[in-house]
Amino acid sequence: MIKDMLRETDVFCRWGGDEFAILLPDTDLEGGRLLAERIRAGVNRGVVKGVEFSVSTGVGQHSTDEAIDSLLERVDAALYLARKNGGDRVETSN
């Protein structure tokens, strides 16, 4: 379902355990946030074998000259903020 929401240039991969990453080339922070909200809403509508799912998401935009590790730390902090704030939500990292 998630792959159907992505463009051919986007990259969707498992990051670890129950975490996934989506790389969105040529997408700003607001575009990433909107996609994350669409994915969250879509997953909430789905039930697989009687199990309901929810999505907590951290979204960030890569800054010029920023190390990739720094971006990943910011997005990870946003993800944990989403979980801390009750889950099933999207948080952005500025």
N, C-alpha and C. Protein backbone atom coordinates (compact mmCIF):
# COMPACT_ATOMS: atom_id res chain seq x y z
N MET A 1 0.82 -1.19 0.00
CA MET A 1 0.00 0.00 0.00
C MET A 1 0.87 1.25 0.00
N ILE A 2 1.91 1.26 0.83
CA ILE A 2 2.77 2.44 0.92
C ILE A 2 3.50 2.66 -0.40
N LYS A 3 4.02 1.61 -0.98
CA LYS A 3 4.74 1.75 -2.25
C LYS A 3 3.85 2.36 -3.32
N ASP A 4 2.55 2.09 -3.28
CA ASP A 4 1.63 2.65 -4.26
C ASP A 4 1.49 4.17 -4.12
N MET A 5 1.84 4.72 -2.97
CA MET A 5 1.76 6.17 -2.73
C MET A 5 3.03 6.92 -3.14
N LEU A 6 4.07 6.17 -3.51
CA LEU A 6 5.37 6.78 -3.78
C LEU A 6 5.62 6.94 -5.27
N ARG A 7 6.54 7.85 -5.58
CA ARG A 7 6.99 8.05 -6.96
C ARG A 7 8.09 7.05 -7.26
N GLU A 8 8.41 6.89 -8.53
CA GLU A 8 9.47 5.97 -8.93
C GLU A 8 10.82 6.39 -8.35
N THR A 9 11.03 7.67 -8.11
CA THR A 9 12.31 8.16 -7.60
C THR A 9 12.43 8.03 -6.08
N ASP A 10 11.35 7.74 -5.38
CA ASP A 10 11.38 7.60 -3.92
C ASP A 10 11.93 6.23 -3.54
N VAL A 11 12.54 6.16 -2.37
CA VAL A 11 13.12 4.90 -1.90
C VAL A 11 12.48 4.53 -0.57
N PHE A 12 11.89 3.34 -0.50
CA PHE A 12 11.22 2.84 0.69
C PHE A 12 11.98 1.61 1.16
N CYS A 13 12.43 1.61 2.43
CA CYS A 13 13.21 0.48 2.91
C CYS A 13 12.98 0.25 4.41
N ARG A 14 13.25 -0.97 4.83
CA ARG A 14 13.19 -1.29 6.25
C ARG A 14 14.43 -0.72 6.91
N TRP A 15 14.24 0.00 8.02
CA TRP A 15 15.36 0.61 8.74
C TRP A 15 15.80 -0.29 9.88
N GLY A 16 14.88 -1.04 10.42
CA GLY A 16 15.20 -1.98 11.50
C GLY A 16 13.95 -2.31 12.26
N GLY A 17 13.84 -3.54 12.72
CA GLY A 17 12.68 -3.94 13.52
C GLY A 17 11.37 -3.51 12.88
N ASP A 18 10.67 -2.62 13.58
CA ASP A 18 9.38 -2.13 13.08
C ASP A 18 9.50 -0.72 12.52
N GLU A 19 10.70 -0.32 12.11
CA GLU A 19 10.93 1.02 11.57
C GLU A 19 11.28 0.95 10.09
N PHE A 20 10.78 1.93 9.36
CA PHE A 20 11.02 2.03 7.92
C PHE A 20 11.48 3.44 7.61
N ALA A 21 12.15 3.60 6.49
CA ALA A 21 12.59 4.92 6.03
C ALA A 21 12.12 5.11 4.60
N ILE A 22 11.77 6.35 4.29
CA ILE A 22 11.42 6.71 2.93
C ILE A 22 12.25 7.93 2.57
N LEU A 23 13.03 7.82 1.51
CA LEU A 23 13.81 8.94 1.00
C LEU A 23 13.04 9.56 -0.15
N LEU A 24 12.83 10.87 -0.07
CA LEU A 24 12.00 11.59 -1.04
C LEU A 24 12.82 12.68 -1.72
N PRO A 25 13.51 12.32 -2.81
CA PRO A 25 14.31 13.33 -3.50
C PRO A 25 13.42 14.48 -4.00
N ASP A 26 13.97 15.68 -3.98
CA ASP A 26 13.27 16.87 -4.49
C ASP A 26 11.92 17.09 -3.81
N THR A 27 11.87 16.85 -2.50
CA THR A 27 10.65 17.05 -1.72
C THR A 27 11.00 17.90 -0.52
N ASP A 28 10.22 18.95 -0.27
CA ASP A 28 10.50 19.80 0.90
C ASP A 28 9.84 19.21 2.15
N LEU A 29 10.08 19.85 3.28
CA LEU A 29 9.59 19.35 4.56
C LEU A 29 8.06 19.22 4.56
N GLU A 30 7.37 20.20 4.02
CA GLU A 30 5.91 20.15 3.99
C GLU A 30 5.41 19.01 3.11
N GLY A 31 6.06 18.79 1.98
CA GLY A 31 5.69 17.68 1.10
C GLY A 31 5.90 16.34 1.80
N GLY A 32 6.99 16.22 2.54
CA GLY A 32 7.24 14.99 3.30
C GLY A 32 6.21 14.79 4.39
N ARG A 33 5.85 15.88 5.07
CA ARG A 33 4.84 15.80 6.13
C ARG A 33 3.49 15.38 5.56
N LEU A 34 3.11 15.95 4.42
CA LEU A 34 1.83 15.60 3.81
C LEU A 34 1.79 14.13 3.39
N LEU A 35 2.89 13.63 2.81
CA LEU A 35 2.94 12.22 2.44
C LEU A 35 2.84 11.34 3.69
N ALA A 36 3.56 11.71 4.75
CA ALA A 36 3.51 10.93 5.99
C ALA A 36 2.09 10.89 6.54
N GLU A 37 1.37 11.99 6.46
CA GLU A 37 -0.03 12.02 6.93
C GLU A 37 -0.91 11.12 6.07
N ARG A 38 -0.69 11.11 4.74
CA ARG A 38 -1.48 10.24 3.86
C ARG A 38 -1.19 8.78 4.18
N ILE A 39 0.08 8.46 4.42
CA ILE A 39 0.44 7.07 4.76
C ILE A 39 -0.19 6.69 6.09
N ARG A 40 -0.10 7.57 7.09
CA ARG A 40 -0.68 7.30 8.41
C ARG A 40 -2.17 7.02 8.29
N ALA A 41 -2.88 7.86 7.57
CA ALA A 41 -4.32 7.68 7.40
C ALA A 41 -4.64 6.40 6.63
N GLY A 42 -3.85 6.10 5.62
CA GLY A 42 -4.08 4.88 4.83
C GLY A 42 -3.86 3.62 5.64
N VAL A 43 -2.80 3.60 6.44
CA VAL A 43 -2.52 2.44 7.27
C VAL A 43 -3.60 2.26 8.32
N ASN A 44 -4.10 3.36 8.87
CA ASN A 44 -5.16 3.27 9.88
C ASN A 44 -6.43 2.65 9.33
N ARG A 45 -6.68 2.78 8.04
CA ARG A 45 -7.88 2.20 7.43
C ARG A 45 -7.74 0.71 7.19
N GLY A 46 -6.51 0.20 7.20
CA GLY A 46 -6.27 -1.20 6.88
C GLY A 46 -6.25 -2.09 8.11
N VAL A 47 -6.79 -3.27 7.97
CA VAL A 47 -6.74 -4.29 9.01
C VAL A 47 -6.27 -5.57 8.33
N VAL A 48 -5.22 -6.18 8.89
CA VAL A 48 -4.68 -7.41 8.32
C VAL A 48 -4.86 -8.52 9.35
N LYS A 49 -5.61 -9.54 8.96
CA LYS A 49 -5.87 -10.69 9.83
C LYS A 49 -6.36 -10.25 11.21
N GLY A 50 -7.25 -9.26 11.22
CA GLY A 50 -7.86 -8.79 12.46
C GLY A 50 -6.97 -7.88 13.30
N VAL A 51 -5.81 -7.51 12.81
CA VAL A 51 -4.90 -6.65 13.55
C VAL A 51 -4.94 -5.24 12.97
N GLU A 52 -5.18 -4.26 13.84
CA GLU A 52 -5.16 -2.87 13.42
C GLU A 52 -3.75 -2.32 13.56
N PHE A 53 -3.39 -1.39 12.69
CA PHE A 53 -2.06 -0.80 12.70
C PHE A 53 -2.16 0.70 12.88
N SER A 54 -1.09 1.29 13.41
CA SER A 54 -0.96 2.74 13.46
C SER A 54 0.46 3.09 13.04
N VAL A 55 0.66 4.37 12.73
CA VAL A 55 1.96 4.83 12.25
C VAL A 55 2.38 6.07 13.02
N SER A 56 3.58 6.03 13.58
CA SER A 56 4.21 7.21 14.17
C SER A 56 5.38 7.56 13.26
N THR A 57 5.48 8.84 12.91
CA THR A 57 6.45 9.23 11.89
C THR A 57 7.25 10.45 12.31
N GLY A 58 8.54 10.42 12.00
CA GLY A 58 9.40 11.59 12.10
C GLY A 58 9.79 12.00 10.69
N VAL A 59 9.68 13.29 10.39
CA VAL A 59 9.96 13.80 9.05
C VAL A 59 11.00 14.91 9.16
N GLY A 60 11.97 14.89 8.28
CA GLY A 60 12.97 15.95 8.25
C GLY A 60 13.39 16.23 6.83
N GLN A 61 13.97 17.41 6.64
CA GLN A 61 14.49 17.80 5.33
C GLN A 61 16.00 18.01 5.46
N HIS A 62 16.73 17.44 4.53
CA HIS A 62 18.19 17.57 4.52
C HIS A 62 18.57 19.02 4.21
N SER A 63 19.44 19.58 5.03
CA SER A 63 19.92 20.95 4.83
C SER A 63 21.24 20.92 4.07
N THR A 64 21.48 21.97 3.31
CA THR A 64 22.73 22.09 2.57
C THR A 64 23.91 21.95 3.53
N ASP A 65 24.87 21.17 3.15
CA ASP A 65 26.10 20.93 3.93
C ASP A 65 25.86 20.18 5.24
N GLU A 66 24.69 19.62 5.45
CA GLU A 66 24.42 18.85 6.67
C GLU A 66 24.90 17.41 6.48
N ALA A 67 25.54 16.88 7.49
CA ALA A 67 25.94 15.47 7.46
C ALA A 67 24.70 14.59 7.53
N ILE A 68 24.73 13.49 6.83
CA ILE A 68 23.59 12.57 6.82
C ILE A 68 23.29 12.08 8.24
N ASP A 69 24.32 11.84 9.05
CA ASP A 69 24.10 11.40 10.42
C ASP A 69 23.29 12.43 11.21
N SER A 70 23.53 13.70 10.97
CA SER A 70 22.78 14.76 11.65
C SER A 70 21.31 14.73 11.25
N LEU A 71 21.05 14.56 9.97
CA LEU A 71 19.66 14.45 9.50
C LEU A 71 18.98 13.25 10.15
N LEU A 72 19.65 12.11 10.17
CA LEU A 72 19.05 10.91 10.76
C LEU A 72 18.77 11.10 12.25
N GLU A 73 19.65 11.78 12.95
CA GLU A 73 19.43 12.05 14.38
C GLU A 73 18.20 12.94 14.57
N ARG A 74 18.05 13.96 13.73
CA ARG A 74 16.89 14.85 13.85
C ARG A 74 15.58 14.12 13.56
N VAL A 75 15.59 13.30 12.52
CA VAL A 75 14.38 12.56 12.16
C VAL A 75 14.05 11.53 13.23
N ASP A 76 15.07 10.88 13.77
CA ASP A 76 14.86 9.91 14.84
C ASP A 76 14.27 10.59 16.08
N ALA A 77 14.75 11.78 16.41
CA ALA A 77 14.20 12.53 17.55
C ALA A 77 12.74 12.89 17.30
N ALA A 78 12.40 13.25 16.07
CA ALA A 78 11.01 13.55 15.73
C ALA A 78 10.14 12.31 15.86
N LEU A 79 10.66 11.16 15.43
CA LEU A 79 9.93 9.90 15.56
C LEU A 79 9.63 9.60 17.03
N TYR A 80 10.64 9.74 17.88
CA TYR A 80 10.44 9.45 19.29
C TYR A 80 9.49 10.47 19.93
N LEU A 81 9.49 11.69 19.46
CA LEU A 81 8.53 12.68 19.94
C LEU A 81 7.11 12.27 19.56
N ALA A 82 6.94 11.77 18.34
CA ALA A 82 5.61 11.29 17.91
C ALA A 82 5.14 10.16 18.81
N ARG A 83 6.03 9.24 19.13
CA ARG A 83 5.66 8.13 20.02
C ARG A 83 5.35 8.65 21.43
N LYS A 84 6.17 9.56 21.92
CA LYS A 84 5.98 10.12 23.27
C LYS A 84 4.65 10.87 23.37
N ASN A 85 4.24 11.52 22.29
CA ASN A 85 3.01 12.29 22.29
C ASN A 85 1.77 11.46 22.00
N GLY A 86 1.87 10.15 22.16
CA GLY A 86 0.70 9.29 22.05
C GLY A 86 0.70 8.38 20.83
N GLY A 87 1.65 8.55 19.94
CA GLY A 87 1.71 7.69 18.76
C GLY A 87 0.64 8.02 17.74
N ASP A 88 0.69 7.31 16.63
CA ASP A 88 -0.23 7.50 15.52
C ASP A 88 -0.29 8.96 15.11
N ARG A 89 0.90 9.55 14.91
CA ARG A 89 0.99 10.96 14.54
C ARG A 89 2.28 11.21 13.78
N VAL A 90 2.36 12.39 13.18
CA VAL A 90 3.54 12.81 12.43
C VAL A 90 4.14 14.01 13.14
N GLU A 91 5.45 13.95 13.37
CA GLU A 91 6.20 15.08 13.92
C GLU A 91 7.31 15.44 12.96
N THR A 92 7.57 16.72 12.82
CA THR A 92 8.63 17.17 11.93
C THR A 92 9.83 17.68 12.72
N SER A 93 10.98 17.62 12.07
CA SER A 93 12.23 18.12 12.64
C SER A 93 12.69 19.28 11.82
N ASN A 94 12.92 20.41 12.44
CA ASN A 94 13.39 21.59 11.71
C ASN A 94 14.87 21.71 11.76
